[in-house]
Amino acid sequence: MFVTMTKLILYVRDVALLKSFYQTHFDLPVTEEIKGEWVVLKAGEVEIALHRVGEAFRDKAPKTNTSNSKIVFSVQSGLPELRERLVSAGVPMRNLKRYDGFAQLMCDGEDPEGNVFQLSQADLERPDPRV
């Protein structure tokens, strides 16, 4: 059996706020919407769905950094400049980083509800994989 991922659902407190964030900063188009309750954003081959949390959870203060997941976006070029634009817009962003043997430049950030995302840019010149 072959399985593919088509959609990631995030349960959120403010659908409109996160819709605006992802459209403003990553230019993700809306493919489906129920105003204030549900919105689906096209992010390449995967859709990100923003689903308003149930009433019992709406008034509770969100716990900081309790998610064990990370949304990863790939960019073709210009990651340092994109990171700087996000920082200038007040988006919490971590420093650019690299790992030995991994031909990617990366940085992490957080959306307005604390969901962690990563921006990743493949190195243009890939090192010899035998090294």
Protein backbone atom coordinates (compact mmCIF):
# COMPACT_ATOMS: atom_id res chain seq x y z
CA MET A 1 0.00 0.00 0.00
CA PHE A 2 1.30 3.45 -0.93
CA VAL A 3 0.24 6.33 1.31
CA THR A 4 0.69 10.04 0.59
CA MET A 5 0.22 13.01 2.87
CA THR A 6 -2.26 15.51 1.50
CA LYS A 7 -3.24 17.73 4.41
CA LEU A 8 -1.98 18.83 7.82
CA ILE A 9 -4.65 20.13 10.21
CA LEU A 10 -3.66 22.64 12.88
CA TYR A 11 -6.17 23.28 15.65
CA VAL A 12 -5.99 27.02 16.30
CA ARG A 13 -7.69 29.67 18.39
CA ASP A 14 -7.82 32.40 15.73
CA VAL A 15 -8.29 31.09 12.19
CA ALA A 16 -8.32 34.58 10.63
CA LEU A 17 -5.06 35.59 12.35
CA LEU A 18 -3.17 32.51 11.15
CA LYS A 19 -4.70 32.69 7.67
CA SER A 20 -3.42 36.27 7.42
CA PHE A 21 0.02 35.28 8.77
CA TYR A 22 0.58 32.45 6.28
CA GLN A 23 -0.81 34.44 3.35
CA THR A 24 1.16 37.59 4.20
CA HIS A 25 4.51 35.93 4.81
CA PHE A 26 4.41 32.83 2.57
CA ASP A 27 1.82 33.81 -0.07
CA LEU A 28 -0.21 30.61 0.42
CA PRO A 29 -3.48 30.68 -1.51
CA VAL A 30 -6.80 29.73 0.12
CA THR A 31 -8.50 26.70 -1.45
CA GLU A 32 -11.41 26.34 0.97
CA GLU A 33 -12.90 28.43 3.77
CA ILE A 34 -15.64 28.58 6.37
CA LYS A 35 -15.12 32.06 7.80
CA GLY A 36 -13.68 32.00 11.33
CA GLU A 37 -13.88 28.21 11.63
CA TRP A 38 -11.86 26.55 8.88
CA VAL A 39 -9.47 27.53 6.13
CA VAL A 40 -7.31 25.43 3.82
CA LEU A 41 -4.08 26.87 2.41
CA LYS A 42 -2.21 25.31 -0.51
CA ALA A 43 1.44 24.79 0.41
CA GLY A 44 2.89 22.90 -2.54
CA GLU A 45 1.79 19.26 -2.58
CA VAL A 46 0.39 19.48 0.96
CA GLU A 47 -2.45 21.62 2.24
CA ILE A 48 -2.39 23.27 5.66
CA ALA A 49 -5.85 23.35 7.20
CA LEU A 50 -6.55 25.72 10.08
CA HIS A 51 -9.39 24.37 12.22
CA ARG A 52 -10.79 26.41 15.11
CA VAL A 53 -10.37 24.57 18.41
CA GLY A 54 -13.43 23.42 20.33
CA GLU A 55 -15.17 25.83 22.71
CA ALA A 56 -13.66 24.19 25.78
CA PHE A 57 -10.17 25.24 24.61
CA ARG A 58 -10.79 28.73 23.21
CA ASP A 59 -10.33 30.68 26.43
CA LYS A 60 -7.38 28.73 27.80
CA ALA A 61 -4.01 30.42 27.45
CA PRO A 62 -1.85 28.51 24.96
CA LYS A 63 1.14 26.73 26.42
CA THR A 64 4.37 27.99 24.91
CA ASN A 65 6.36 25.59 22.73
CA THR A 66 4.40 22.47 23.64
CA SER A 67 4.05 21.21 20.08
CA ASN A 68 6.13 18.25 19.06
CA SER A 69 5.74 19.02 15.36
CA LYS A 70 7.31 21.43 12.92
CA ILE A 71 6.02 22.63 9.56
CA VAL A 72 8.86 22.76 7.01
CA PHE A 73 8.76 25.09 4.01
CA SER A 74 11.37 24.91 1.26
CA VAL A 75 12.57 28.01 -0.55
CA GLN A 76 14.60 27.98 -3.75
CA SER A 77 16.77 30.97 -2.86
CA GLY A 78 16.95 34.07 -0.70
CA LEU A 79 16.50 32.45 2.71
CA PRO A 80 18.66 34.99 4.60
CA GLU A 81 16.65 37.85 3.09
CA LEU A 82 13.32 36.15 3.84
CA ARG A 83 14.40 35.58 7.43
CA GLU A 84 15.30 39.27 7.77
CA ARG A 85 11.92 40.34 6.36
CA LEU A 86 10.18 38.10 8.90
CA VAL A 87 12.30 39.47 11.76
CA SER A 88 11.51 43.04 10.62
CA ALA A 89 7.80 42.14 10.65
CA GLY A 90 8.10 41.00 14.28
CA VAL A 91 7.98 37.26 13.62
CA PRO A 92 10.01 35.32 16.23
CA MET A 93 12.85 33.77 14.24
CA ARG A 94 15.88 31.78 15.30
CA ASN A 95 19.31 32.11 13.69
CA LEU A 96 20.30 30.54 10.40
CA LYS A 97 21.94 27.14 10.89
CA ARG A 98 23.60 24.27 9.08
CA TYR A 99 24.51 20.74 10.05
CA ASP A 100 27.60 18.89 8.83
CA GLY A 101 26.75 16.49 6.03
CA PHE A 102 23.33 18.06 5.41
CA ALA A 103 23.29 20.35 2.37
CA GLN A 104 20.65 22.75 3.69
CA LEU A 105 20.57 26.22 5.18
CA MET A 106 17.73 26.45 7.72
CA CYS A 107 16.07 28.61 10.32
CA ASP A 108 13.08 28.14 12.59
CA GLY A 109 10.33 30.55 13.52
CA GLU A 110 6.96 30.66 15.23
CA ASP A 111 3.56 31.73 13.95
CA PRO A 112 1.29 33.91 16.13
CA GLU A 113 -0.04 30.87 18.03
CA GLY A 114 3.39 29.36 18.68
CA ASN A 115 3.39 26.71 15.95
CA VAL A 116 7.01 26.14 14.95
CA PHE A 117 7.92 26.32 11.28
CA GLN A 118 11.23 25.84 9.52
CA LEU A 119 12.47 27.49 6.35
CA SER A 120 14.94 25.38 4.42
CA GLN A 121 17.04 26.16 1.35
CA ALA A 122 19.08 23.50 -0.42
CA ASP A 123 22.70 24.38 -1.09
CA LEU A 124 23.25 25.24 -4.74
CA GLU A 125 26.48 23.29 -4.83
CA ARG A 126 26.05 19.96 -3.14
CA PRO A 127 29.08 18.45 -1.47
CA ASP A 128 30.34 15.07 -2.66
CA PRO A 129 28.06 12.51 -0.87
CA ARG A 130 31.07 10.20 -0.34
CA VAL A 131 32.68 12.77 1.98
